[in-house]
Protein backbone atom coordinates (compact mmCIF):
# COMPACT_ATOMS: atom_id res chain seq x y z
CA UNK A 1 -8.63 -19.06 22.35
CA UNK A 2 -10.29 -16.62 19.89
CA UNK A 3 -8.42 -13.42 19.03
CA UNK A 4 -10.29 -10.08 19.03
CA UNK A 5 -9.70 -8.06 15.87
CA UNK A 6 -10.81 -4.83 14.21
CA UNK A 7 -11.39 -5.50 10.53
CA UNK A 8 -12.26 -3.24 7.57
CA UNK A 9 -15.41 -4.55 5.87
CA UNK A 10 -16.82 -3.63 2.45
CA UNK A 11 -20.63 -3.83 2.76
CA UNK A 12 -22.54 -5.90 0.25
CA UNK A 13 -24.39 -4.38 -2.68
CA UNK A 14 -23.17 -0.78 -2.78
CA UNK A 15 -21.26 0.41 -5.86
CA UNK A 16 -19.04 2.96 -4.09
CA UNK A 17 -19.40 1.93 -0.48
CA UNK A 18 -18.38 3.58 2.76
CA UNK A 19 -16.09 1.11 4.45
CA UNK A 20 -16.83 0.17 8.03
CA UNK A 21 -14.72 -1.30 10.81
CA UNK A 22 -16.17 -4.32 12.60
CA UNK A 23 -14.99 -5.81 15.85
CA UNK A 24 -14.80 -9.58 15.41
CA UNK A 25 -13.30 -12.66 17.01
CA UNK A 26 -10.84 -14.63 14.91
CA UNK A 27 -11.11 -18.37 15.55
CA UNK A 28 -8.29 -20.53 16.80
CA UNK A 29 -6.10 -21.49 13.83
CA UNK A 30 -6.85 -24.70 11.99
CA UNK A 31 -4.03 -27.18 11.33
CA UNK A 32 -2.61 -25.12 8.44
CA UNK A 33 -3.51 -21.61 9.60
CA UNK A 34 -1.62 -18.79 11.29
CA UNK A 35 -2.98 -15.92 13.40
CA UNK A 36 -0.97 -12.72 12.93
CA UNK A 37 -0.92 -9.49 14.91
CA UNK A 38 -0.32 -6.88 12.23
CA UNK A 39 2.29 -4.13 12.13
CA UNK A 40 1.55 -2.52 8.74
CA UNK A 41 -0.44 -3.19 5.58
CA UNK A 42 -0.15 -1.83 2.07
CA UNK A 43 -3.10 -0.02 0.51
CA UNK A 44 -3.28 -1.36 -3.02
CA UNK A 45 -5.09 0.09 -6.04
CA UNK A 46 -6.51 -3.33 -6.92
CA UNK A 47 -8.64 -3.14 -3.78
CA UNK A 48 -10.52 -0.24 -5.37
CA UNK A 49 -11.58 -2.61 -8.13
CA UNK A 50 -12.87 -5.03 -5.51
CA UNK A 51 -14.78 -2.25 -3.77
CA UNK A 52 -16.50 -1.18 -6.99
CA UNK A 53 -17.66 -4.62 -8.09
CA UNK A 54 -21.18 -5.86 -7.21
CA UNK A 55 -21.06 -7.87 -3.99
CA UNK A 56 -23.73 -10.34 -2.82
CA UNK A 57 -21.96 -10.56 0.57
CA UNK A 58 -19.56 -8.44 2.64
CA UNK A 59 -15.89 -8.51 1.64
CA UNK A 60 -12.67 -8.12 3.62
CA UNK A 61 -9.68 -6.59 1.86
CA UNK A 62 -5.91 -6.23 1.89
CA UNK A 63 -3.20 -8.63 0.73
CA UNK A 64 0.23 -7.35 1.79
CA UNK A 65 1.42 -6.79 5.34
CA UNK A 66 3.91 -7.44 8.11
CA UNK A 67 3.17 -8.80 11.56
CA UNK A 68 4.07 -11.23 14.31
CA UNK A 69 2.72 -14.75 14.78
CA UNK A 70 0.36 -15.09 17.77
CA UNK A 71 -0.77 -18.67 17.14
CA UNK A 72 -0.30 -21.40 14.55
CA UNK A 73 -1.83 -24.70 13.60
CA UNK A 74 -0.17 -28.01 14.39
CA UNK A 75 0.86 -28.64 10.78
CA UNK A 76 2.63 -25.28 10.38
CA UNK A 77 6.39 -25.77 10.62
CA UNK A 78 8.08 -22.83 8.85
CA UNK A 79 7.12 -20.23 11.50
CA UNK A 80 6.38 -20.29 15.22
CA UNK A 81 4.75 -18.02 17.79
CA UNK A 82 6.72 -14.77 18.14
CA UNK A 83 8.20 -14.87 14.63
CA UNK A 84 7.97 -11.83 12.40
CA UNK A 85 6.25 -12.55 9.10
CA UNK A 86 4.96 -11.03 5.89
CA UNK A 87 1.48 -11.81 4.60
CA UNK A 88 0.91 -12.00 0.85
CA UNK A 89 -1.66 -13.32 -1.64
CA UNK A 90 0.57 -15.63 -3.70
CA UNK A 91 1.29 -19.09 -2.21
CA UNK A 92 4.79 -18.95 -0.80
CA UNK A 93 5.84 -22.41 -1.97
CA UNK A 94 3.42 -23.40 -4.72
CA UNK A 95 5.99 -25.57 -6.47
CA UNK A 96 6.34 -27.98 -3.56
CA UNK A 97 3.02 -27.56 -1.81
CA UNK A 98 0.40 -30.02 -3.10
CA UNK A 99 -2.37 -28.80 -0.82
CA UNK A 100 -4.89 -26.16 -1.88
CA UNK A 101 -4.55 -23.14 0.49
CA UNK A 102 -7.55 -22.50 2.72
CA UNK A 103 -9.34 -19.15 2.45
CA UNK A 104 -10.24 -17.11 5.51
CA UNK A 105 -13.83 -16.88 6.78
CA UNK A 106 -14.95 -14.31 9.36
CA UNK A 107 -18.24 -14.16 11.22
CA UNK A 108 -19.37 -10.52 11.39
CA UNK A 109 -21.43 -8.92 14.18
CA UNK A 110 -24.51 -8.54 11.95
CA UNK A 111 -24.74 -12.28 11.43
CA UNK A 112 -23.18 -12.37 7.96
CA UNK A 113 -19.90 -13.97 6.93
CA UNK A 114 -17.06 -12.36 4.99
CA UNK A 115 -14.63 -14.52 3.05
CA UNK A 116 -11.36 -14.09 1.16
CA UNK A 117 -8.01 -15.75 0.60
CA UNK A 118 -6.30 -13.18 2.82
CA UNK A 119 -7.21 -9.89 4.50
CA UNK A 120 -4.71 -7.40 5.90
CA UNK A 121 -6.83 -4.29 6.45
CA UNK A 122 -7.17 -5.39 10.06
CA UNK A 123 -5.16 -5.15 13.25
CA UNK A 124 -5.13 -8.97 13.42
CA UNK A 125 -5.60 -11.52 10.67
CA UNK A 126 -5.80 -15.26 10.12
CA UNK A 127 -4.38 -16.86 6.99
CA UNK A 128 -3.32 -20.15 5.49
CA UNK A 129 0.35 -20.80 6.16
CA UNK A 130 0.99 -20.65 2.40
CA UNK A 131 0.27 -16.92 2.51
CA UNK A 132 2.61 -16.31 5.47
CA UNK A 133 6.33 -15.80 4.78
CA UNK A 134 9.06 -15.77 7.44
CA UNK A 135 10.73 -12.38 7.92
CA UNK A 136 14.11 -11.56 9.52
CA UNK A 137 14.29 -9.40 12.64
CA UNK A 138 16.86 -6.94 11.29
CA UNK A 139 14.57 -4.98 8.90
CA UNK A 140 11.83 -2.43 9.61
CA UNK A 141 8.26 -3.67 9.71
CA UNK A 142 6.54 -0.64 8.20
CA UNK A 143 7.86 -0.01 4.67
CA UNK A 144 8.55 -3.71 4.09
CA UNK A 145 4.80 -4.39 4.22
CA UNK A 146 4.49 -3.48 0.53
CA UNK A 147 6.79 -6.29 -0.59
CA UNK A 148 3.81 -8.67 -0.48
CA UNK A 149 2.14 -7.04 -3.51
CA UNK A 150 3.52 -3.78 -4.93
CA UNK A 151 7.18 -4.81 -4.96
CA UNK A 152 6.51 -8.42 -5.88
CA UNK A 153 4.22 -7.43 -8.75
CA UNK A 154 6.35 -4.68 -10.28
CA UNK A 155 9.86 -5.94 -9.62
CA UNK A 156 8.89 -9.53 -10.35
CA UNK A 157 7.43 -8.57 -13.74
CA UNK A 158 10.82 -7.17 -14.76
CA UNK A 159 13.02 -9.75 -13.07
CA UNK A 160 11.04 -12.95 -13.63
CA UNK A 161 8.21 -12.55 -16.15
CA UNK A 162 10.20 -10.58 -18.71
CA UNK A 163 13.70 -11.56 -17.62
CA UNK A 164 15.19 -8.17 -18.51
CA UNK A 165 18.96 -8.23 -18.92
CA UNK A 166 21.75 -5.67 -18.70
CA UNK A 167 21.63 -3.13 -21.52
CA UNK A 168 18.08 -3.92 -22.62
CA UNK A 169 15.65 -1.01 -22.91
CA UNK A 170 12.53 -0.65 -20.76
CA UNK A 171 9.46 1.59 -20.68
CA UNK A 172 7.11 1.57 -17.69
CA UNK A 173 3.64 3.04 -18.14
CA UNK A 174 2.30 4.24 -14.79
CA UNK A 175 4.68 5.11 -11.97
CA UNK A 176 2.68 4.37 -8.86
CA UNK A 177 3.89 1.82 -6.33
CA UNK A 178 3.95 -1.08 -8.79
CA UNK A 179 5.52 0.94 -11.61
CA UNK A 180 8.23 2.36 -9.36
CA UNK A 181 9.03 -1.17 -8.18
CA UNK A 182 9.37 -2.21 -11.82
CA UNK A 183 11.73 0.70 -12.46
CA UNK A 184 13.81 -0.21 -9.41
CA UNK A 185 14.19 -3.79 -10.65
CA UNK A 186 15.14 -2.55 -14.12
CA UNK A 187 17.87 -0.46 -12.48
CA UNK A 188 19.08 -3.45 -10.46
CA UNK A 189 19.58 -5.52 -13.64
CA UNK A 190 21.19 -2.48 -15.35
CA UNK A 191 18.63 -2.01 -18.11
CA UNK A 192 19.20 1.04 -20.33
CA UNK A 193 17.44 3.26 -21.04
CA UNK A 194 14.69 3.07 -18.41
CA UNK A 195 11.79 5.25 -19.54
CA UNK A 196 9.02 6.25 -17.12
CA UNK A 197 5.67 7.17 -18.71
CA UNK A 198 2.98 9.07 -16.81
CA UNK A 199 0.74 12.14 -16.93
CA UNK A 200 2.42 14.09 -14.13
CA UNK A 201 5.85 15.75 -14.27
CA UNK A 202 6.28 15.46 -10.50
CA UNK A 203 5.71 11.70 -10.65
CA UNK A 204 8.17 11.42 -13.54
CA UNK A 205 10.78 13.32 -11.55
CA UNK A 206 10.07 11.08 -8.56
CA UNK A 207 10.61 8.00 -10.77
CA UNK A 208 14.20 9.08 -11.38
CA UNK A 209 14.92 8.44 -7.68
CA UNK A 210 14.26 4.76 -8.41
CA UNK A 211 16.37 4.50 -11.55
CA UNK A 212 14.39 5.98 -14.45
CA UNK A 213 16.75 7.59 -16.94
CA UNK A 214 14.06 9.40 -18.93
CA UNK A 215 10.53 10.65 -18.32
CA UNK A 216 7.77 10.82 -20.92
CA UNK A 217 4.70 12.90 -20.12
CA UNK A 218 1.83 11.45 -22.15
CA UNK A 219 -0.04 14.75 -21.86
CA UNK A 220 2.64 16.42 -23.97
CA UNK A 221 2.28 14.30 -27.09
CA UNK A 222 2.06 10.70 -28.24
CA UNK A 223 4.06 8.63 -25.71
CA UNK A 224 4.76 5.94 -28.31
CA UNK A 225 6.41 8.45 -30.62
CA UNK A 226 8.36 9.94 -27.71
CA UNK A 227 9.64 6.48 -26.77
CA UNK A 228 10.63 5.80 -30.38
CA UNK A 229 12.58 9.04 -30.54
CA UNK A 230 14.51 8.02 -27.43
CA UNK A 231 15.33 4.56 -28.74
CA UNK A 232 15.90 4.93 -32.49
CA UNK A 233 18.69 2.71 -33.83
CA UNK A 234 21.27 3.88 -36.35
CA UNK A 235 22.25 0.35 -37.38
CA UNK A 236 19.06 -1.74 -37.57
CA UNK A 237 16.17 -1.33 -40.01
CA UNK A 238 12.69 -2.75 -40.44
CA UNK A 239 11.40 -4.58 -43.54
CA UNK A 240 10.16 -1.23 -44.75
CA UNK A 241 13.63 0.32 -44.39
CA UNK A 242 12.82 2.49 -41.37
CA UNK A 243 15.21 2.64 -38.40
CA UNK A 244 14.23 0.24 -35.64
CA UNK A 245 12.76 2.17 -32.70
CA UNK A 246 11.01 1.16 -29.52
CA UNK A 247 11.96 -0.60 -26.30
CA UNK A 248 12.87 -4.21 -25.70
CA UNK A 249 10.23 -4.36 -22.94
CA UNK A 250 7.16 -2.17 -22.38
CA UNK A 251 5.29 -2.66 -19.10
CA UNK A 252 1.73 -1.46 -18.44
CA UNK A 253 1.40 -1.01 -14.67
CA UNK A 254 -2.03 0.66 -14.91
CA UNK A 255 -4.41 -1.66 -16.77
CA UNK A 256 -6.64 0.90 -18.52
CA UNK A 257 -7.55 0.38 -22.15
CA UNK A 258 -5.35 3.15 -23.52
CA UNK A 259 -2.13 1.98 -21.90
CA UNK A 260 -2.86 -1.68 -22.57
CA UNK A 261 -3.09 -0.79 -26.26
CA UNK A 262 0.01 1.43 -26.20
CA UNK A 263 2.58 -1.04 -24.91
CA UNK A 264 2.62 -3.22 -28.03
CA UNK A 265 3.47 -0.39 -30.49
CA UNK A 266 5.95 0.96 -27.91
CA UNK A 267 7.91 -2.31 -28.17
CA UNK A 268 10.54 -2.39 -30.89
CA UNK A 269 10.00 -4.39 -34.10
CA UNK A 270 12.09 -7.40 -34.92
CA UNK A 271 14.74 -7.55 -37.62
CA UNK A 272 13.96 -10.37 -40.04
CA UNK A 273 16.65 -13.03 -39.99
CA UNK A 274 18.42 -11.39 -37.07
CA UNK A 275 16.26 -11.08 -33.95
CA UNK A 276 12.64 -11.10 -32.87
CA UNK A 277 10.75 -8.04 -31.69
CA UNK A 278 10.18 -6.63 -28.23
CA UNK A 279 7.79 -7.68 -25.50
CA UNK A 280 4.69 -5.93 -24.13
CA UNK A 281 3.93 -6.97 -20.54
CA UNK A 282 0.54 -6.39 -18.92
CA UNK A 283 1.02 -5.92 -15.17
CA UNK A 284 -1.91 -3.70 -14.10
CA UNK A 285 -5.29 -5.30 -13.42
CA UNK A 286 -7.40 -4.82 -16.59
CA UNK A 287 -10.97 -3.58 -16.30
CA UNK A 288 -11.86 -3.95 -19.98
CA UNK A 289 -10.94 -5.82 -23.13
CA UNK A 290 -8.57 -4.29 -25.66
CA UNK A 291 -7.82 -4.35 -29.37
CA UNK A 292 -4.27 -4.93 -30.55
CA UNK A 293 -2.75 -4.72 -34.02
CA UNK A 294 -2.36 -8.37 -35.02
CA UNK A 295 -0.26 -7.40 -38.05
CA UNK A 296 2.21 -5.57 -35.81
CA UNK A 297 2.33 -8.64 -33.57
CA UNK A 298 3.00 -10.98 -36.50
CA UNK A 299 5.16 -9.02 -38.93
CA UNK A 300 7.37 -7.53 -36.21
CA UNK A 301 7.50 -10.77 -34.21
CA UNK A 302 6.50 -9.03 -30.99
CA UNK A 303 5.16 -10.68 -27.84
CA UNK A 304 2.25 -9.61 -25.61
CA UNK A 305 2.11 -11.42 -22.28
CA UNK A 306 0.59 -11.05 -18.84
CA UNK A 307 2.31 -10.99 -15.47
CA UNK A 308 0.38 -11.86 -12.30
CA UNK A 309 2.16 -11.28 -9.02
CA UNK A 310 5.38 -10.77 -10.97
CA UNK A 311 5.65 -14.54 -11.55
CA UNK A 312 7.06 -14.62 -8.02
CA UNK A 313 7.50 -17.36 -5.45
CA UNK A 314 7.50 -15.53 -2.12
CA UNK A 315 9.75 -17.98 -0.23
CA UNK A 316 12.37 -17.55 -2.94
CA UNK A 317 11.90 -13.90 -3.84
CA UNK A 318 11.05 -11.98 -0.65
CA UNK A 319 14.57 -12.49 0.77
CA UNK A 320 15.96 -11.09 -2.49
CA UNK A 321 13.75 -7.99 -2.31
CA UNK A 322 14.74 -7.47 1.33
CA UNK A 323 18.39 -7.70 0.30
CA UNK A 324 17.83 -5.09 -2.41
CA UNK A 325 16.31 -2.84 0.27
CA UNK A 326 19.16 -3.35 2.74
CA UNK A 327 21.76 -2.72 0.02
CA UNK A 328 20.06 0.49 -1.13
CA UNK A 329 18.83 -0.77 -4.52
CA UNK A 330 15.14 -0.68 -3.58
CA UNK A 331 14.31 2.49 -1.64
CA UNK A 332 11.18 1.44 0.23
CA UNK A 333 11.54 4.42 2.59
CA UNK A 334 11.03 6.75 -0.37
CA UNK A 335 8.43 4.52 -2.03
CA UNK A 336 6.08 4.74 0.97
CA UNK A 337 4.80 8.31 0.75
CA UNK A 338 1.66 8.26 2.91
CA UNK A 339 0.68 6.59 6.17
CA UNK A 340 -2.78 6.07 7.64
CA UNK A 341 -4.38 4.55 10.70
CA UNK A 342 -7.08 1.88 10.51
CA UNK A 343 -9.82 4.40 11.35
CA UNK A 344 -8.73 6.55 8.37
CA UNK A 345 -9.36 3.86 5.76
CA UNK A 346 -12.09 5.79 3.92
CA UNK A 347 -9.82 8.82 3.66
CA UNK A 348 -7.03 6.58 2.38
CA UNK A 349 -9.12 4.96 -0.36
CA UNK A 350 -10.47 8.35 -1.49
CA UNK A 351 -6.93 9.71 -1.76
CA UNK A 352 -5.83 6.65 -3.71
CA UNK A 353 -8.75 6.87 -6.12
CA UNK A 354 -8.22 10.57 -6.77
CA UNK A 355 -4.53 10.10 -7.61
CA UNK A 356 -3.18 11.84 -4.51
CA UNK A 357 -0.83 9.01 -3.55
CA UNK A 358 2.63 9.20 -5.06
CA UNK A 359 4.33 5.87 -4.57
CA UNK A 360 2.54 3.65 -2.07
CA UNK A 361 0.38 4.27 1.00
CA UNK A 362 0.43 2.01 4.04
CA UNK A 363 -1.76 1.49 7.08
CA UNK A 364 -0.02 1.28 10.46
CA UNK A 365 -1.50 -0.50 13.47
C-alpha cells in the first residue's frame, strides 16, 4: 500500500527559491525498489547548486541518509523489511550490476511530478535498490548518515582516486564536511604532512581534530607559497636548480575557480630522470571552467584529475568507513556540527550558503 511522506520540494523556475514541504504518497515499490523510513539525512553543499539552477519542473533533493526498510520489491535480495540501511547516490555494486538503476518519480499535490535518482530530504523515500546499502545494527543512525556523500567523496578521493600512501604529503583546500573527510583519510593512511587550507582560523584549528598537521590561512598570503615553504626539499632540485617544493597530492574540495587553479601549482614538480610530479585532484563540484598552466603540467610532469564520489563502491567501502568510525579514526560525532528538523530546511540551507556550518549539518526525522 502507498506510504505517506513529507518531502522537501524545490519549486520550478525560481533562481533562489523558498523550499516547501509537500505531503505525498509514495507508491508501492517496483521489483527493484525499496521504500525507506528515514532516520537522518546529510545536508550537502552540492544541493545549493541544484537549487540555483534553472528548473523547468519541481526537484526533490538529498542523497545521503540512514533509515529502515519498510517495503521492498520482489527482485531485491540484499535487504529485507526491518533492515537498517544507508541511502546514497552512487550505485552500490556497479561492477556486477548490469541493470541501469531506476530514478524516483513523485506525484506532487499540485499535479506536477518531481523526479531524481534519489531524494533524502524527506521523512520517507523510495529508491532503486542500487542506491540502498545494508547497515549493521551496532552503529548510530544519525552521524553515519553523512557517509553516503561527504565521507565517501572526501575520504574516497584520498584513499581510492589518489591512492595516497604513508609518508606522502597532502594539501586539502576547503575544510568543510568533504575536506575534513579527506583529511581524516589522509591521517588513516599516515600521510605527512597534512596541510589544511581555508580562510578561517577556527576552521583550520578544527581540521587538526581530524588529522591536519598544519593550517594555511589563504587570507594571510599566497597559499601556494605557504605550502611550498612547508614542503621544501633539501635534497631534490628542479631543472632550474630550485629546491623541489609542493605536496604530492593537492585536493580541491570547494570547486571555485580560484582553488581549482591553485591545486596544480601547489603540487610538487617532478625530478627529471627520477620521479614524476605531484597530483592535483578536483573533488568539489565546479561551477565554471578554469585555466591551468600547461607548461607546468608538462615540464614538471604533474597530473590533474577529477574525483566523483571518491571513486567509491558503496558495498565495498561503506563497511570500511564504518570501521574507521568505530575504531576512532573517523570522528563523525565531531564532524556533524549542526542538526535540523525537516521543517527547518530553509534555515539550514541559508546557514550552509552563508558559511555558518563548520563540518557537516544533518536533518533528523
